[in-house]
Amino acid sequence: MYLTVGDKIWRSLAAGLCGNAAHSGVMYLKRWMGWLPTFHPYRDLQHGLSEWLGGAVHPSVPWAMSFVNGTLILGILFRVSYHLLPGHSGIAKGFVFGILGWIAMGLLYFPVLGRGLFASQLGLGSLPAGFSLVMVLAYSVFLGAAYSALHVSDLR
């Protein structure tokens, strides 16, 4: 079966949505279980955006940014990098993609928000880094599994 560019992009976006659903589930579970009650990556982003923009930012903005980033940007980036990632399955490739994303988040995202490398300045030890790893891997493994399932004929 021949897939058009539009089909390939649509399938990448659908896989990104699956990853977002898994990520949202982990974030919901965090809140529901009361895990790391002082660790709020989305609230930190909201405060950072408010400072950078010089005004209040609605709490839905960081969630929307994460949704767009996870669906559009990372979904397509995963598609483009799929053949470069080590592993023989979408899940393995998603795992590697997640580890790389987690490293980038720990070295860039948290420091930009004033939380230090891997959120080390929160005074919670390695727990924020560990939780962010779980959060990112939930996204990326589901992304990889969905991508692989949606692109079976495309990957041969």
Protein backbone atom coordinates (compact mmCIF):
# COMPACT_ATOMS: atom_id res chain seq x y z
CA MET A 1 0.00 0.00 0.00
CA TYR A 2 1.36 3.43 -0.95
CA LEU A 3 0.92 6.14 1.67
CA THR A 4 0.83 9.81 0.76
CA VAL A 5 2.72 12.38 2.81
CA GLY A 6 -0.60 13.44 4.30
CA ASP A 7 -1.35 9.86 5.38
CA LYS A 8 2.07 9.57 6.99
CA ILE A 9 1.64 12.86 8.86
CA TRP A 10 -1.89 11.96 9.96
CA ARG A 11 -0.67 8.63 11.35
CA SER A 12 2.22 10.36 13.14
CA LEU A 13 -0.23 12.79 14.72
CA ALA A 14 -2.52 9.93 15.78
CA ALA A 15 0.46 8.20 17.43
CA GLY A 16 1.31 11.49 19.17
CA LEU A 17 -2.24 11.64 20.51
CA CYS A 18 -1.82 8.14 21.95
CA GLY A 19 1.38 9.26 23.65
CA ASN A 20 -0.40 12.32 25.02
CA ALA A 21 -3.16 10.14 26.42
CA ALA A 22 -0.60 8.01 28.28
CA HIS A 23 1.21 11.10 29.55
CA SER A 24 -2.06 12.64 30.74
CA GLY A 25 -2.92 9.42 32.52
CA VAL A 26 0.36 9.49 34.44
CA MET A 27 -0.18 13.14 35.36
CA TYR A 28 -3.72 12.39 36.53
CA LEU A 29 -2.46 9.46 38.59
CA LYS A 30 0.20 11.73 40.15
CA ARG A 31 -2.44 14.19 41.27
CA TRP A 32 -4.95 11.54 42.36
CA MET A 33 -2.37 9.61 44.40
CA GLY A 34 -0.84 12.77 45.85
CA TRP A 35 2.64 11.93 44.56
CA LEU A 36 5.20 14.73 44.74
CA PRO A 37 2.68 17.39 45.78
CA THR A 38 5.26 20.18 45.44
CA PHE A 39 6.43 19.14 41.96
CA HIS A 40 4.32 20.93 39.33
CA PRO A 41 5.99 21.05 35.90
CA TYR A 42 2.94 22.64 34.23
CA ARG A 43 2.53 25.27 36.94
CA ASP A 44 6.25 26.03 36.67
CA LEU A 45 5.85 26.52 32.93
CA GLN A 46 2.83 28.75 33.49
CA HIS A 47 4.82 30.94 35.91
CA GLY A 48 7.79 31.04 33.54
CA LEU A 49 5.55 32.08 30.64
CA SER A 50 3.94 34.76 32.81
CA GLU A 51 7.36 36.19 33.65
CA TRP A 52 8.60 36.06 30.04
CA LEU A 53 5.40 37.57 28.62
CA GLY A 54 4.99 40.14 31.37
CA GLY A 55 1.43 39.17 32.28
CA ALA A 56 -0.81 36.42 33.57
CA VAL A 57 -1.04 33.19 31.58
CA HIS A 58 -4.11 31.00 31.96
CA PRO A 59 -3.42 27.53 33.47
CA SER A 60 -4.72 25.84 30.32
CA VAL A 61 -1.93 27.34 28.20
CA PRO A 62 0.87 25.01 29.42
CA TRP A 63 -1.43 22.00 28.97
CA ALA A 64 -2.33 23.14 25.45
CA MET A 65 1.35 23.70 24.66
CA SER A 66 2.18 20.20 25.88
CA PHE A 67 -0.67 18.74 23.85
CA VAL A 68 0.42 20.51 20.66
CA ASN A 69 4.07 19.70 21.27
CA GLY A 70 3.37 16.03 21.99
CA THR A 71 0.99 15.57 19.09
CA LEU A 72 2.36 17.77 16.35
CA ILE A 73 6.04 18.41 16.94
CA LEU A 74 7.15 15.22 18.68
CA GLY A 75 4.83 13.00 16.64
CA ILE A 76 6.42 14.23 13.42
CA LEU A 77 9.94 14.28 14.91
CA PHE A 78 9.49 10.64 15.91
CA ARG A 79 8.41 9.77 12.36
CA VAL A 80 11.43 11.55 10.88
CA SER A 81 13.89 9.96 13.32
CA TYR A 82 12.29 6.49 13.43
CA HIS A 83 14.82 4.88 11.09
CA LEU A 84 17.73 6.40 13.05
CA LEU A 85 16.64 5.17 16.47
CA PRO A 86 18.09 1.87 17.70
CA GLY A 87 15.76 -1.06 18.27
CA HIS A 88 13.62 -3.36 16.19
CA SER A 89 10.17 -2.40 17.46
CA GLY A 90 8.20 0.78 17.87
CA ILE A 91 8.25 0.27 21.62
CA ALA A 92 12.05 0.00 21.73
CA LYS A 93 12.45 3.02 19.48
CA GLY A 94 9.91 4.91 21.60
CA PHE A 95 11.91 4.03 24.72
CA VAL A 96 15.12 5.44 23.24
CA PHE A 97 13.24 8.51 21.98
CA GLY A 98 11.92 9.00 25.52
CA ILE A 99 15.34 8.68 27.15
CA LEU A 100 16.70 11.32 24.76
CA GLY A 101 13.71 13.57 25.47
CA TRP A 102 14.11 13.11 29.22
CA ILE A 103 17.79 14.08 29.04
CA ALA A 104 16.90 17.18 27.02
CA MET A 105 14.14 18.07 29.48
CA GLY A 106 16.45 17.62 32.46
CA LEU A 107 19.26 19.66 30.91
CA LEU A 108 17.15 22.40 29.27
CA TYR A 109 13.51 22.62 30.41
CA PHE A 110 13.99 22.49 34.18
CA PRO A 111 17.02 24.82 34.24
CA VAL A 112 15.24 27.39 32.02
CA LEU A 113 12.39 27.40 34.56
CA GLY A 114 14.87 27.93 37.40
CA ARG A 115 14.53 24.42 38.80
CA GLY A 116 18.11 23.30 38.15
CA LEU A 117 19.36 20.26 36.27
CA PHE A 118 16.68 17.57 36.37
CA ALA A 119 14.70 19.75 38.84
CA SER A 120 17.39 19.23 41.47
CA GLN A 121 16.77 22.60 43.13
CA LEU A 122 13.31 21.60 44.35
CA GLY A 123 14.77 19.93 47.42
CA LEU A 124 13.12 16.60 46.64
CA GLY A 125 16.24 14.66 45.75
CA SER A 126 16.01 12.53 42.65
CA LEU A 127 12.22 12.09 42.83
CA PRO A 128 11.32 14.80 40.27
CA ALA A 129 13.89 13.40 37.84
CA GLY A 130 12.55 9.89 38.36
CA PHE A 131 8.96 10.95 37.97
CA SER A 132 9.71 13.01 34.87
CA LEU A 133 11.41 9.90 33.42
CA VAL A 134 8.24 7.85 34.04
CA MET A 135 6.13 10.66 32.60
CA VAL A 136 8.23 10.94 29.43
CA LEU A 137 8.56 7.18 28.96
CA ALA A 138 4.79 6.71 29.27
CA TYR A 139 4.41 9.19 26.42
CA SER A 140 7.19 7.86 24.23
CA VAL A 141 6.54 4.13 24.61
CA PHE A 142 2.86 4.59 23.77
CA LEU A 143 3.87 6.87 20.90
CA GLY A 144 6.21 4.18 19.58
CA ALA A 145 3.68 1.37 19.97
CA ALA A 146 0.92 3.35 18.25
CA TYR A 147 3.23 4.58 15.51
CA SER A 148 4.40 1.06 14.78
CA ALA A 149 0.85 -0.29 14.74
CA LEU A 150 -0.34 2.50 12.42
CA HIS A 151 2.61 2.24 10.04
CA VAL A 152 3.00 -1.52 9.63
CA SER A 153 2.87 -1.49 5.83
CA ASP A 154 4.85 1.75 5.68
CA LEU A 155 7.81 0.31 7.63
CA ARG A 156 8.49 -2.73 5.46
